[in-house]
Amino acid sequence: MLPRTAAKTAANNDKKPAFQTAFYVGSHGWHTSIIVPRSAVPKGAWPAGVVDRTFADRRFIEAGWGDRTFYMAARPNVATAFDAVFLPGASVLHIVGLDPPIESAFAWTGLVRMPCSPAELRNVCDAIGATFASDSHHKIQELGPGLYGRVSRFYPADGRYYFANTCNNWTARMMRAGGFAADAGPAGTWSAGAVMAQARRLARARTATFNPRGGTAP
């Protein structure tokens, strides 16, 4: 039997939240994205003006990566979709400012909370920041308004989009930056559904590892 002090400490540890921070993996049906608290983005990690000016009044920021021509097309069609998949092309980041509750910000096809440490959350933010194609002064030119009016913007991004390097591969790499053993290969990223299934499994496993008695971390 544990001494009273030790037993009390153990009980308190069971009540502690597994992780004080988290990011989210979202799905809009065919497309996946990463959502982070705006306040978690380290100073200088993203190009100047994105966090501190354009989205300064939003609590969360959604980042999605994709083919520039298809993503920004007013009316994407079969031809633009074919080109995006089979002809490697320039990429773009779609950044959206969101306010809580995140669950009702969109009619999500899927949304998974990924519990993580503050250091892991910073790593995710840094990884997203590294995707922006900024100049040597860490400045970037907006490519135009995003899909949701003034609360969204398109920005040039690094990387070439094609069938083996899609938004799903990018999302899986962001999860890996957050300390999750996501499969960024074809088996784990062949569809948005496959990415979301990974996210749910990895989030459950992390919570269960911290609290094997079955409690749920917030």
N, C-alpha and C. Protein backbone atom coordinates (compact mmCIF):
# COMPACT_ATOMS: atom_id res chain seq x y z
N MET A 1 0.85 -1.20 0.00
CA MET A 1 0.00 0.00 0.00
C MET A 1 0.88 1.24 0.00
N LEU A 2 0.51 2.23 -0.83
CA LEU A 2 1.27 3.46 -0.89
C LEU A 2 1.04 4.30 0.35
N PRO A 3 2.09 4.99 0.85
CA PRO A 3 1.88 5.95 1.92
C PRO A 3 0.85 6.98 1.48
N ARG A 4 0.18 7.60 2.50
CA ARG A 4 -0.90 8.52 2.18
C ARG A 4 -0.47 9.63 1.24
N THR A 5 0.72 10.20 1.47
CA THR A 5 1.20 11.30 0.62
C THR A 5 1.42 10.83 -0.81
N ALA A 6 2.03 9.65 -0.95
CA ALA A 6 2.29 9.11 -2.28
C ALA A 6 0.99 8.78 -2.99
N ALA A 7 0.02 8.23 -2.24
CA ALA A 7 -1.27 7.89 -2.84
C ALA A 7 -1.98 9.15 -3.31
N LYS A 8 -1.90 10.22 -2.50
CA LYS A 8 -2.54 11.48 -2.87
C LYS A 8 -1.90 12.07 -4.13
N THR A 9 -0.56 11.98 -4.21
CA THR A 9 0.15 12.49 -5.38
C THR A 9 -0.25 11.72 -6.63
N ALA A 10 -0.35 10.38 -6.49
CA ALA A 10 -0.73 9.55 -7.63
C ALA A 10 -2.14 9.89 -8.10
N ALA A 11 -3.04 10.12 -7.14
CA ALA A 11 -4.42 10.48 -7.49
C ALA A 11 -4.46 11.82 -8.21
N ASN A 12 -3.67 12.78 -7.75
CA ASN A 12 -3.63 14.09 -8.39
C ASN A 12 -3.07 14.00 -9.79
N ASN A 13 -2.06 13.13 -9.97
CA ASN A 13 -1.47 12.96 -11.30
C ASN A 13 -2.50 12.42 -12.27
N ASP A 14 -3.38 11.49 -11.79
CA ASP A 14 -4.41 10.94 -12.66
C ASP A 14 -5.40 12.02 -13.12
N LYS A 15 -5.57 13.05 -12.30
CA LYS A 15 -6.52 14.10 -12.62
C LYS A 15 -5.92 15.17 -13.54
N LYS A 16 -4.61 15.21 -13.64
CA LYS A 16 -3.98 16.23 -14.46
C LYS A 16 -4.29 15.99 -15.94
N PRO A 17 -4.50 17.06 -16.71
CA PRO A 17 -4.69 16.87 -18.14
C PRO A 17 -3.41 16.34 -18.76
N ALA A 18 -3.56 15.45 -19.74
CA ALA A 18 -2.39 14.84 -20.36
C ALA A 18 -1.51 15.90 -21.02
N PHE A 19 -2.13 16.82 -21.70
CA PHE A 19 -1.38 17.85 -22.41
C PHE A 19 -2.16 19.16 -22.30
N GLN A 20 -1.45 20.24 -22.05
CA GLN A 20 -2.11 21.52 -21.91
C GLN A 20 -2.43 22.19 -23.25
N THR A 21 -1.88 21.66 -24.33
CA THR A 21 -2.06 22.29 -25.64
C THR A 21 -2.50 21.26 -26.67
N ALA A 22 -2.90 21.75 -27.82
CA ALA A 22 -3.34 20.85 -28.90
C ALA A 22 -3.42 21.63 -30.20
N PHE A 23 -3.35 20.89 -31.29
CA PHE A 23 -3.71 21.42 -32.60
C PHE A 23 -4.81 20.54 -33.14
N TYR A 24 -5.36 20.88 -34.27
CA TYR A 24 -6.46 20.11 -34.85
C TYR A 24 -6.12 19.68 -36.27
N VAL A 25 -6.66 18.53 -36.66
CA VAL A 25 -6.62 18.09 -38.05
C VAL A 25 -8.06 18.16 -38.55
N GLY A 26 -8.26 18.86 -39.66
CA GLY A 26 -9.61 19.03 -40.19
C GLY A 26 -9.74 18.48 -41.58
N SER A 27 -10.97 18.16 -41.96
CA SER A 27 -11.26 17.68 -43.31
C SER A 27 -12.50 18.38 -43.84
N HIS A 28 -12.40 18.80 -45.11
CA HIS A 28 -13.53 19.42 -45.79
C HIS A 28 -14.07 18.48 -46.86
N GLY A 29 -13.84 17.21 -46.69
CA GLY A 29 -14.31 16.23 -47.67
C GLY A 29 -13.16 15.68 -48.48
N TRP A 30 -12.68 16.46 -49.44
CA TRP A 30 -11.56 16.02 -50.28
C TRP A 30 -10.24 16.62 -49.83
N HIS A 31 -10.31 17.55 -48.90
CA HIS A 31 -9.12 18.31 -48.51
C HIS A 31 -8.91 18.26 -47.00
N THR A 32 -7.64 18.14 -46.57
CA THR A 32 -7.32 18.15 -45.14
C THR A 32 -6.49 19.38 -44.79
N SER A 33 -6.50 19.73 -43.51
CA SER A 33 -5.82 20.94 -43.07
C SER A 33 -5.39 20.80 -41.62
N ILE A 34 -4.62 21.78 -41.16
CA ILE A 34 -4.16 21.84 -39.78
C ILE A 34 -4.65 23.16 -39.18
N ILE A 35 -5.15 23.10 -37.94
CA ILE A 35 -5.62 24.29 -37.25
C ILE A 35 -4.81 24.46 -35.97
N VAL A 36 -4.27 25.66 -35.77
CA VAL A 36 -3.45 25.95 -34.58
C VAL A 36 -3.96 27.21 -33.91
N PRO A 37 -3.76 27.34 -32.58
CA PRO A 37 -4.08 28.60 -31.93
C PRO A 37 -3.15 29.70 -32.45
N ARG A 38 -3.70 30.85 -32.78
CA ARG A 38 -2.86 31.92 -33.31
C ARG A 38 -1.78 32.33 -32.32
N SER A 39 -2.11 32.32 -31.04
CA SER A 39 -1.15 32.74 -30.01
C SER A 39 0.02 31.77 -29.88
N ALA A 40 -0.12 30.57 -30.44
CA ALA A 40 0.96 29.57 -30.33
C ALA A 40 2.02 29.74 -31.40
N VAL A 41 1.75 30.54 -32.42
CA VAL A 41 2.73 30.72 -33.50
C VAL A 41 3.90 31.55 -32.97
N PRO A 42 5.11 30.98 -32.90
CA PRO A 42 6.25 31.73 -32.37
C PRO A 42 6.55 32.98 -33.20
N LYS A 43 6.99 34.03 -32.54
CA LYS A 43 7.32 35.26 -33.24
C LYS A 43 8.40 34.98 -34.29
N GLY A 44 8.15 35.40 -35.51
CA GLY A 44 9.11 35.21 -36.58
C GLY A 44 9.01 33.89 -37.30
N ALA A 45 8.15 32.98 -36.82
CA ALA A 45 8.04 31.67 -37.46
C ALA A 45 7.29 31.74 -38.79
N TRP A 46 6.35 32.68 -38.89
CA TRP A 46 5.60 32.88 -40.13
C TRP A 46 5.99 34.24 -40.72
N PRO A 47 5.79 34.44 -41.99
CA PRO A 47 6.15 35.73 -42.60
C PRO A 47 5.49 36.91 -41.90
N ALA A 48 6.17 38.03 -41.90
CA ALA A 48 5.68 39.23 -41.23
C ALA A 48 4.30 39.62 -41.74
N GLY A 49 3.42 39.95 -40.81
CA GLY A 49 2.10 40.44 -41.15
C GLY A 49 1.00 39.41 -41.13
N VAL A 50 1.33 38.15 -41.29
CA VAL A 50 0.29 37.12 -41.36
C VAL A 50 -0.40 36.97 -40.01
N VAL A 51 0.39 36.73 -38.97
CA VAL A 51 -0.17 36.50 -37.64
C VAL A 51 -0.50 37.80 -36.93
N ASP A 52 0.40 38.78 -37.05
CA ASP A 52 0.25 39.99 -36.25
C ASP A 52 -0.58 41.09 -36.91
N ARG A 53 -1.00 40.89 -38.17
CA ARG A 53 -1.79 41.93 -38.81
C ARG A 53 -3.03 41.35 -39.50
N THR A 54 -2.84 40.51 -40.49
CA THR A 54 -3.98 40.01 -41.27
C THR A 54 -4.96 39.22 -40.42
N PHE A 55 -4.44 38.38 -39.53
CA PHE A 55 -5.32 37.53 -38.72
C PHE A 55 -5.22 37.85 -37.23
N ALA A 56 -4.87 39.09 -36.92
CA ALA A 56 -4.64 39.48 -35.53
C ALA A 56 -5.89 39.37 -34.66
N ASP A 57 -7.08 39.42 -35.27
CA ASP A 57 -8.31 39.40 -34.48
C ASP A 57 -8.94 38.02 -34.41
N ARG A 58 -8.20 36.99 -34.81
CA ARG A 58 -8.74 35.62 -34.81
C ARG A 58 -8.01 34.75 -33.80
N ARG A 59 -8.73 33.86 -33.16
CA ARG A 59 -8.14 33.02 -32.11
C ARG A 59 -7.41 31.81 -32.68
N PHE A 60 -7.87 31.31 -33.82
CA PHE A 60 -7.26 30.13 -34.43
C PHE A 60 -6.98 30.40 -35.90
N ILE A 61 -6.02 29.66 -36.43
CA ILE A 61 -5.68 29.79 -37.85
C ILE A 61 -5.65 28.39 -38.48
N GLU A 62 -6.37 28.27 -39.59
CA GLU A 62 -6.35 27.02 -40.36
C GLU A 62 -5.39 27.19 -41.52
N ALA A 63 -4.56 26.18 -41.74
CA ALA A 63 -3.62 26.19 -42.86
C ALA A 63 -3.85 24.95 -43.72
N GLY A 64 -4.02 25.17 -45.00
CA GLY A 64 -4.16 24.07 -45.94
C GLY A 64 -3.24 24.28 -47.13
N TRP A 65 -2.63 23.22 -47.61
CA TRP A 65 -1.65 23.30 -48.70
C TRP A 65 -2.23 22.59 -49.92
N GLY A 66 -1.98 23.14 -51.11
CA GLY A 66 -2.50 22.47 -52.29
C GLY A 66 -1.95 23.03 -53.59
N ASP A 67 -2.47 22.52 -54.70
CA ASP A 67 -2.07 22.97 -56.02
C ASP A 67 -2.57 24.39 -56.24
N ARG A 68 -1.70 25.28 -56.68
CA ARG A 68 -2.06 26.69 -56.78
C ARG A 68 -3.18 26.94 -57.79
N THR A 69 -3.06 26.38 -58.97
CA THR A 69 -4.05 26.62 -60.02
C THR A 69 -5.42 26.08 -59.63
N PHE A 70 -5.44 24.84 -59.13
CA PHE A 70 -6.72 24.23 -58.78
C PHE A 70 -7.36 24.91 -57.58
N TYR A 71 -6.57 25.13 -56.54
CA TYR A 71 -7.08 25.71 -55.29
C TYR A 71 -7.64 27.11 -55.50
N MET A 72 -6.99 27.89 -56.36
CA MET A 72 -7.38 29.28 -56.55
C MET A 72 -8.36 29.48 -57.71
N ALA A 73 -8.71 28.41 -58.41
CA ALA A 73 -9.61 28.53 -59.55
C ALA A 73 -11.01 28.94 -59.10
N ALA A 74 -11.62 29.88 -59.80
CA ALA A 74 -12.98 30.29 -59.47
C ALA A 74 -13.96 29.15 -59.65
N ARG A 75 -13.75 28.36 -60.70
CA ARG A 75 -14.60 27.20 -60.96
C ARG A 75 -13.72 26.03 -61.38
N PRO A 76 -13.11 25.33 -60.41
CA PRO A 76 -12.26 24.19 -60.77
C PRO A 76 -13.07 23.12 -61.49
N ASN A 77 -12.45 22.50 -62.49
CA ASN A 77 -13.14 21.48 -63.26
C ASN A 77 -12.28 20.24 -63.39
N VAL A 78 -12.73 19.31 -64.20
CA VAL A 78 -12.01 18.05 -64.38
C VAL A 78 -10.62 18.29 -64.94
N ALA A 79 -10.50 19.22 -65.87
CA ALA A 79 -9.21 19.49 -66.50
C ALA A 79 -8.20 20.02 -65.49
N THR A 80 -8.63 20.99 -64.65
CA THR A 80 -7.70 21.54 -63.67
C THR A 80 -7.36 20.50 -62.61
N ALA A 81 -8.30 19.64 -62.28
CA ALA A 81 -8.05 18.57 -61.31
C ALA A 81 -7.05 17.57 -61.88
N PHE A 82 -7.20 17.22 -63.16
CA PHE A 82 -6.27 16.28 -63.82
C PHE A 82 -4.87 16.86 -63.84
N ASP A 83 -4.75 18.13 -64.20
CA ASP A 83 -3.44 18.78 -64.25
C ASP A 83 -2.80 18.80 -62.87
N ALA A 84 -3.60 19.09 -61.84
CA ALA A 84 -3.07 19.16 -60.48
C ALA A 84 -2.48 17.83 -60.04
N VAL A 85 -3.15 16.74 -60.41
CA VAL A 85 -2.72 15.41 -59.96
C VAL A 85 -1.53 14.90 -60.75
N PHE A 86 -1.54 15.09 -62.07
CA PHE A 86 -0.55 14.43 -62.92
C PHE A 86 0.56 15.34 -63.45
N LEU A 87 0.41 16.65 -63.32
CA LEU A 87 1.45 17.57 -63.77
C LEU A 87 1.95 18.36 -62.57
N PRO A 88 3.15 18.05 -62.05
CA PRO A 88 3.65 18.78 -60.88
C PRO A 88 3.60 20.29 -61.11
N GLY A 89 2.98 21.00 -60.17
CA GLY A 89 2.83 22.43 -60.34
C GLY A 89 3.08 23.20 -59.07
N ALA A 90 3.06 24.51 -59.17
CA ALA A 90 3.29 25.38 -58.02
C ALA A 90 2.21 25.17 -56.97
N SER A 91 2.58 25.40 -55.73
CA SER A 91 1.65 25.16 -54.62
C SER A 91 1.29 26.46 -53.93
N VAL A 92 0.30 26.35 -53.05
CA VAL A 92 -0.22 27.52 -52.36
C VAL A 92 -0.63 27.12 -50.95
N LEU A 93 -0.56 28.07 -50.03
CA LEU A 93 -1.12 27.89 -48.69
C LEU A 93 -2.40 28.70 -48.60
N HIS A 94 -3.45 28.06 -48.12
CA HIS A 94 -4.71 28.75 -47.88
C HIS A 94 -4.82 28.93 -46.37
N ILE A 95 -4.81 30.18 -45.92
CA ILE A 95 -4.83 30.49 -44.49
C ILE A 95 -6.17 31.12 -44.14
N VAL A 96 -6.81 30.58 -43.10
CA VAL A 96 -8.14 31.04 -42.70
C VAL A 96 -8.13 31.38 -41.22
N GLY A 97 -8.68 32.54 -40.86
CA GLY A 97 -8.81 32.92 -39.47
C GLY A 97 -10.13 32.40 -38.90
N LEU A 98 -10.06 31.74 -37.75
CA LEU A 98 -11.24 31.14 -37.13
C LEU A 98 -11.38 31.60 -35.69
N ASP A 99 -12.59 31.56 -35.19
CA ASP A 99 -12.85 31.82 -33.78
C ASP A 99 -13.55 30.60 -33.17
N PRO A 100 -13.37 30.38 -31.88
CA PRO A 100 -14.04 29.25 -31.25
C PRO A 100 -15.55 29.47 -31.17
N PRO A 101 -16.33 28.38 -31.09
CA PRO A 101 -15.86 27.00 -31.04
C PRO A 101 -15.46 26.48 -32.41
N ILE A 102 -14.30 25.86 -32.46
CA ILE A 102 -13.78 25.35 -33.73
C ILE A 102 -14.75 24.36 -34.36
N GLU A 103 -15.41 23.57 -33.53
CA GLU A 103 -16.28 22.51 -34.05
C GLU A 103 -17.39 23.06 -34.95
N SER A 104 -17.82 24.30 -34.71
CA SER A 104 -18.91 24.86 -35.52
C SER A 104 -18.43 25.93 -36.50
N ALA A 105 -17.11 26.07 -36.65
CA ALA A 105 -16.58 27.07 -37.59
C ALA A 105 -16.94 26.72 -39.03
N PHE A 106 -16.95 25.43 -39.34
CA PHE A 106 -17.34 24.93 -40.65
C PHE A 106 -18.23 23.70 -40.47
N ALA A 107 -18.82 23.28 -41.56
CA ALA A 107 -19.51 21.99 -41.57
C ALA A 107 -18.46 20.93 -41.89
N TRP A 108 -17.56 20.70 -40.92
CA TRP A 108 -16.44 19.79 -41.13
C TRP A 108 -16.92 18.39 -41.53
N THR A 109 -16.19 17.77 -42.44
CA THR A 109 -16.38 16.34 -42.68
C THR A 109 -15.74 15.55 -41.55
N GLY A 110 -14.68 16.10 -40.99
CA GLY A 110 -13.99 15.49 -39.84
C GLY A 110 -13.15 16.53 -39.15
N LEU A 111 -13.02 16.39 -37.82
CA LEU A 111 -12.19 17.30 -37.04
C LEU A 111 -11.68 16.53 -35.83
N VAL A 112 -10.35 16.49 -35.66
CA VAL A 112 -9.74 15.73 -34.58
C VAL A 112 -8.81 16.62 -33.78
N ARG A 113 -8.99 16.62 -32.47
CA ARG A 113 -8.10 17.36 -31.58
C ARG A 113 -6.88 16.50 -31.28
N MET A 114 -5.68 17.05 -31.54
CA MET A 114 -4.43 16.31 -31.36
C MET A 114 -3.70 16.85 -30.13
N PRO A 115 -3.82 16.19 -28.97
CA PRO A 115 -3.16 16.70 -27.76
C PRO A 115 -1.65 16.64 -27.90
N CYS A 116 -0.98 17.70 -27.46
CA CYS A 116 0.47 17.75 -27.60
C CYS A 116 1.07 18.66 -26.54
N SER A 117 2.38 18.64 -26.44
CA SER A 117 3.09 19.51 -25.52
C SER A 117 3.28 20.88 -26.17
N PRO A 118 3.58 21.91 -25.38
CA PRO A 118 3.86 23.23 -25.98
C PRO A 118 4.99 23.19 -27.00
N ALA A 119 6.02 22.38 -26.72
CA ALA A 119 7.15 22.28 -27.65
C ALA A 119 6.71 21.65 -28.97
N GLU A 120 5.85 20.62 -28.90
CA GLU A 120 5.36 19.97 -30.11
C GLU A 120 4.47 20.92 -30.91
N LEU A 121 3.66 21.72 -30.20
CA LEU A 121 2.81 22.69 -30.89
C LEU A 121 3.66 23.73 -31.61
N ARG A 122 4.73 24.16 -30.96
CA ARG A 122 5.65 25.10 -31.63
C ARG A 122 6.25 24.47 -32.87
N ASN A 123 6.58 23.18 -32.79
CA ASN A 123 7.15 22.49 -33.95
C ASN A 123 6.16 22.46 -35.12
N VAL A 124 4.87 22.25 -34.81
CA VAL A 124 3.86 22.26 -35.86
C VAL A 124 3.79 23.64 -36.50
N CYS A 125 3.75 24.67 -35.67
CA CYS A 125 3.70 26.04 -36.18
C CYS A 125 4.94 26.36 -37.02
N ASP A 126 6.10 25.91 -36.56
CA ASP A 126 7.34 26.13 -37.31
C ASP A 126 7.28 25.41 -38.67
N ALA A 127 6.73 24.19 -38.67
CA ALA A 127 6.65 23.42 -39.91
C ALA A 127 5.72 24.09 -40.92
N ILE A 128 4.60 24.63 -40.43
CA ILE A 128 3.71 25.37 -41.32
C ILE A 128 4.43 26.62 -41.84
N GLY A 129 5.12 27.31 -40.93
CA GLY A 129 5.85 28.51 -41.33
C GLY A 129 6.89 28.23 -42.39
N ALA A 130 7.53 27.07 -42.31
CA ALA A 130 8.55 26.71 -43.28
C ALA A 130 7.96 26.43 -44.66
N THR A 131 6.62 26.27 -44.74
CA THR A 131 5.97 26.00 -46.02
C THR A 131 5.75 27.28 -46.82
N PHE A 132 5.65 28.43 -46.15
CA PHE A 132 5.49 29.69 -46.86
C PHE A 132 6.71 29.94 -47.75
N ALA A 133 6.47 30.38 -48.97
CA ALA A 133 7.57 30.74 -49.87
C ALA A 133 7.82 32.24 -49.73
N SER A 134 8.60 32.62 -48.75
CA SER A 134 8.88 34.04 -48.50
C SER A 134 10.25 34.41 -49.05
N ASP A 135 10.52 35.72 -49.08
CA ASP A 135 11.79 36.16 -49.61
C ASP A 135 12.87 36.16 -48.53
N SER A 136 14.05 36.66 -48.87
CA SER A 136 15.17 36.62 -47.94
C SER A 136 14.94 37.47 -46.70
N HIS A 137 13.96 38.39 -46.77
CA HIS A 137 13.64 39.24 -45.62
C HIS A 137 12.44 38.69 -44.84
N HIS A 138 12.07 37.46 -45.16
CA HIS A 138 10.96 36.78 -44.51
C HIS A 138 9.64 37.52 -44.75
N LYS A 139 9.55 38.15 -45.92
CA LYS A 139 8.31 38.83 -46.30
C LYS A 139 7.64 38.04 -47.42
N ILE A 140 6.34 38.24 -47.52
CA ILE A 140 5.58 37.47 -48.50
C ILE A 140 4.49 38.33 -49.09
N GLN A 141 4.19 38.09 -50.37
CA GLN A 141 3.12 38.81 -51.04
C GLN A 141 1.87 37.92 -51.08
N GLU A 142 0.74 38.45 -50.62
CA GLU A 142 -0.50 37.70 -50.72
C GLU A 142 -0.84 37.48 -52.20
N LEU A 143 -1.38 36.31 -52.49
CA LEU A 143 -1.80 36.02 -53.86
C LEU A 143 -3.24 36.43 -54.10
N GLY A 144 -3.95 36.75 -53.02
CA GLY A 144 -5.34 37.17 -53.18
C GLY A 144 -6.21 36.66 -52.06
N PRO A 145 -7.47 37.09 -52.04
CA PRO A 145 -8.39 36.62 -51.00
C PRO A 145 -8.61 35.12 -51.13
N GLY A 146 -8.88 34.48 -49.99
CA GLY A 146 -9.12 33.05 -49.99
C GLY A 146 -10.56 32.70 -50.33
N LEU A 147 -10.95 31.50 -49.95
CA LEU A 147 -12.27 30.99 -50.31
C LEU A 147 -13.37 31.56 -49.44
N TYR A 148 -13.01 32.22 -48.34
CA TYR A 148 -14.03 32.68 -47.39
C TYR A 148 -13.96 34.19 -47.16
N GLY A 149 -13.65 34.94 -48.19
CA GLY A 149 -13.65 36.38 -48.08
C GLY A 149 -12.51 36.93 -47.25
N ARG A 150 -12.81 37.97 -46.46
CA ARG A 150 -11.75 38.71 -45.77
C ARG A 150 -11.04 37.91 -44.69
N VAL A 151 -11.64 36.80 -44.23
CA VAL A 151 -11.01 36.02 -43.17
C VAL A 151 -10.07 34.95 -43.72
N SER A 152 -9.77 35.01 -45.01
CA SER A 152 -8.91 34.00 -45.62
C SER A 152 -8.04 34.63 -46.69
N ARG A 153 -6.84 34.04 -46.87
CA ARG A 153 -5.89 34.54 -47.86
C ARG A 153 -5.13 33.37 -48.48
N PHE A 154 -4.70 33.58 -49.73
CA PHE A 154 -3.79 32.65 -50.38
C PHE A 154 -2.37 33.21 -50.33
N TYR A 155 -1.40 32.34 -50.08
CA TYR A 155 0.01 32.73 -50.05
C TYR A 155 0.83 31.72 -50.86
N PRO A 156 1.88 32.18 -51.54
CA PRO A 156 2.75 31.24 -52.25
C PRO A 156 3.42 30.28 -51.27
N ALA A 157 3.58 29.04 -51.71
CA ALA A 157 4.14 28.01 -50.84
C ALA A 157 5.27 27.27 -51.52
N ASP A 158 6.10 26.65 -50.73
CA ASP A 158 7.17 25.78 -51.24
C ASP A 158 6.61 24.41 -51.56
N GLY A 159 7.26 23.72 -52.47
CA GLY A 159 6.87 22.36 -52.81
C GLY A 159 6.05 22.29 -54.07
N ARG A 160 6.16 21.18 -54.78
CA ARG A 160 5.40 20.95 -56.01
C ARG A 160 4.29 19.96 -55.72
N TYR A 161 3.08 20.29 -56.15
CA TYR A 161 1.92 19.43 -55.92
C TYR A 161 1.75 18.45 -57.08
N TYR A 162 1.57 17.18 -56.76
CA TYR A 162 1.22 16.15 -57.75
C TYR A 162 0.72 14.94 -56.99
N PHE A 163 0.41 13.85 -57.69
CA PHE A 163 -0.31 12.74 -57.07
C PHE A 163 0.42 12.12 -55.88
N ALA A 164 1.75 12.21 -55.84
CA ALA A 164 2.51 11.64 -54.72
C ALA A 164 2.85 12.67 -53.66
N ASN A 165 2.38 13.88 -53.84
CA ASN A 165 2.65 14.93 -52.85
C ASN A 165 1.44 15.87 -52.81
N THR A 166 0.43 15.47 -52.07
CA THR A 166 -0.84 16.18 -52.02
C THR A 166 -1.02 16.86 -50.67
N CYS A 167 -2.18 17.49 -50.50
CA CYS A 167 -2.49 18.10 -49.21
C CYS A 167 -2.48 17.07 -48.10
N ASN A 168 -2.84 15.83 -48.42
CA ASN A 168 -2.87 14.78 -47.40
C ASN A 168 -1.46 14.42 -46.92
N ASN A 169 -0.51 14.36 -47.86
CA ASN A 169 0.89 14.12 -47.46
C ASN A 169 1.39 15.26 -46.59
N TRP A 170 1.04 16.48 -46.97
CA TRP A 170 1.46 17.66 -46.20
C TRP A 170 0.87 17.62 -44.79
N THR A 171 -0.41 17.30 -44.68
CA THR A 171 -1.06 17.23 -43.36
C THR A 171 -0.40 16.17 -42.49
N ALA A 172 -0.09 15.02 -43.08
CA ALA A 172 0.58 13.96 -42.32
C ALA A 172 1.96 14.42 -41.83
N ARG A 173 2.67 15.17 -42.66
CA ARG A 173 3.98 15.68 -42.24
C ARG A 173 3.84 16.67 -41.09
N MET A 174 2.78 17.47 -41.10
CA MET A 174 2.54 18.39 -39.99
C MET A 174 2.24 17.62 -38.71
N MET A 175 1.50 16.52 -38.81
CA MET A 175 1.24 15.68 -37.64
C MET A 175 2.55 15.11 -37.09
N ARG A 176 3.41 14.69 -37.99
CA ARG A 176 4.70 14.16 -37.57
C ARG A 176 5.51 15.25 -36.85
N ALA A 177 5.43 16.48 -37.31
CA ALA A 177 6.11 17.58 -36.63
C ALA A 177 5.59 17.74 -35.21
N GLY A 178 4.31 17.38 -35.00
CA GLY A 178 3.71 17.47 -33.68
C GLY A 178 3.96 16.27 -32.81
N GLY A 179 4.85 15.38 -33.23
CA GLY A 179 5.21 14.24 -32.39
C GLY A 179 4.38 13.00 -32.62
N PHE A 180 3.53 12.99 -33.63
CA PHE A 180 2.69 11.83 -33.91
C PHE A 180 3.30 11.01 -35.04
N ALA A 181 3.24 9.69 -34.90
CA ALA A 181 3.86 8.80 -35.88
C ALA A 181 2.93 8.60 -37.07
N ALA A 182 2.59 9.67 -37.75
CA ALA A 182 1.70 9.60 -38.90
C ALA A 182 2.42 9.02 -40.10
N ASP A 183 1.71 8.25 -40.90
CA ASP A 183 2.24 7.69 -42.13
C ASP A 183 2.02 8.70 -43.25
N ALA A 184 3.10 9.30 -43.73
CA ALA A 184 3.00 10.30 -44.80
C ALA A 184 3.09 9.67 -46.18
N GLY A 185 3.16 8.33 -46.25
CA GLY A 185 3.24 7.64 -47.53
C GLY A 185 1.86 7.36 -48.10
N PRO A 186 1.80 6.68 -49.26
CA PRO A 186 0.53 6.44 -49.95
C PRO A 186 -0.50 5.70 -49.11
N ALA A 187 -0.07 4.73 -48.31
CA ALA A 187 -1.02 3.94 -47.54
C ALA A 187 -1.80 4.79 -46.54
N GLY A 188 -1.15 5.81 -45.99
CA GLY A 188 -1.81 6.63 -44.98
C GLY A 188 -2.41 7.91 -45.49
N THR A 189 -2.17 8.21 -46.78
CA THR A 189 -2.60 9.52 -47.30
C THR A 189 -3.34 9.43 -48.62
N TRP A 190 -3.78 8.25 -49.00
CA TRP A 190 -4.41 8.11 -50.32
C TRP A 190 -5.74 8.85 -50.42
N SER A 191 -6.33 9.19 -49.27
CA SER A 191 -7.56 9.97 -49.26
C SER A 191 -7.62 10.80 -47.99
N ALA A 192 -8.51 11.79 -47.98
CA ALA A 192 -8.72 12.58 -46.77
C ALA A 192 -9.21 11.68 -45.65
N GLY A 193 -10.06 10.70 -45.99
CA GLY A 193 -10.55 9.77 -44.98
C GLY A 193 -9.45 8.98 -44.32
N ALA A 194 -8.44 8.60 -45.10
CA ALA A 194 -7.31 7.85 -44.54
C ALA A 194 -6.52 8.71 -43.57
N VAL A 195 -6.35 9.98 -43.90
CA VAL A 195 -5.63 10.89 -43.00
C VAL A 195 -6.40 11.08 -41.71
N MET A 196 -7.72 11.26 -41.81
CA MET A 196 -8.53 11.47 -40.61
C MET A 196 -8.57 10.22 -39.75
N ALA A 197 -8.57 9.06 -40.37
CA ALA A 197 -8.54 7.81 -39.60
C ALA A 197 -7.24 7.71 -38.82
N GLN A 198 -6.13 8.10 -39.46
CA GLN A 198 -4.85 8.14 -38.76
C GLN A 198 -4.91 9.09 -37.57
N ALA A 199 -5.43 10.28 -37.80
CA ALA A 199 -5.48 11.29 -36.75
C ALA A 199 -6.29 10.79 -35.56
N ARG A 200 -7.45 10.19 -35.81
CA ARG A 200 -8.27 9.67 -34.71
C ARG A 200 -7.53 8.59 -33.93
N ARG A 201 -6.90 7.68 -34.65
CA ARG A 201 -6.18 6.59 -33.99
C ARG A 201 -5.01 7.12 -33.15
N LEU A 202 -4.25 8.04 -33.72
CA LEU A 202 -3.08 8.56 -33.02
C LEU A 202 -3.48 9.39 -31.80
N ALA A 203 -4.55 10.16 -31.92
CA ALA A 203 -5.02 10.96 -30.78
C ALA A 203 -5.52 10.06 -29.66
N ARG A 204 -6.26 9.00 -30.01
CA ARG A 204 -6.74 8.06 -28.99
C ARG A 204 -5.58 7.37 -28.31
N ALA A 205 -4.59 6.94 -29.09
CA ALA A 205 -3.45 6.23 -28.53
C ALA A 205 -2.68 7.11 -27.56
N ARG A 206 -2.51 8.37 -27.91
CA ARG A 206 -1.76 9.28 -27.03
C ARG A 206 -2.52 9.49 -25.71
N THR A 207 -3.82 9.68 -25.78
CA THR A 207 -4.62 9.87 -24.57
C THR A 207 -4.59 8.62 -23.71
N ALA A 208 -4.72 7.44 -24.34
CA ALA A 208 -4.73 6.19 -23.59
C ALA A 208 -3.38 5.91 -22.93
N THR A 209 -2.29 6.29 -23.59
CA THR A 209 -0.96 6.08 -23.02
C THR A 209 -0.77 6.89 -21.75
N PHE A 210 -1.29 8.10 -21.76
CA PHE A 210 -1.15 8.97 -20.59
C PHE A 210 -2.07 8.52 -19.46
N ASN A 211 -3.29 8.12 -19.80
CA ASN A 211 -4.28 7.78 -18.78
C ASN A 211 -4.87 6.41 -19.08
N PRO A 212 -4.13 5.33 -18.77
CA PRO A 212 -4.57 3.99 -19.13
C PRO A 212 -5.84 3.54 -18.42
N ARG A 213 -6.30 4.28 -17.40
CA ARG A 213 -7.52 3.88 -16.70
C ARG A 213 -8.77 4.27 -17.46
N GLY A 214 -8.56 4.95 -18.57
CA GLY A 214 -9.72 5.23 -19.43
C GLY A 214 -10.21 6.64 -19.35
N GLY A 215 -9.54 7.50 -18.61
CA GLY A 215 -9.97 8.90 -18.54
C GLY A 215 -9.68 9.61 -19.85
N THR A 216 -10.32 10.73 -20.05
CA THR A 216 -10.14 11.46 -21.29
C THR A 216 -9.48 12.79 -21.00
N ALA A 217 -8.39 13.04 -21.69
CA ALA A 217 -7.72 14.33 -21.53
C ALA A 217 -8.51 15.40 -22.25
N PRO A 218 -8.58 16.59 -21.70
CA PRO A 218 -9.35 17.65 -22.36
C PRO A 218 -8.62 18.12 -23.62
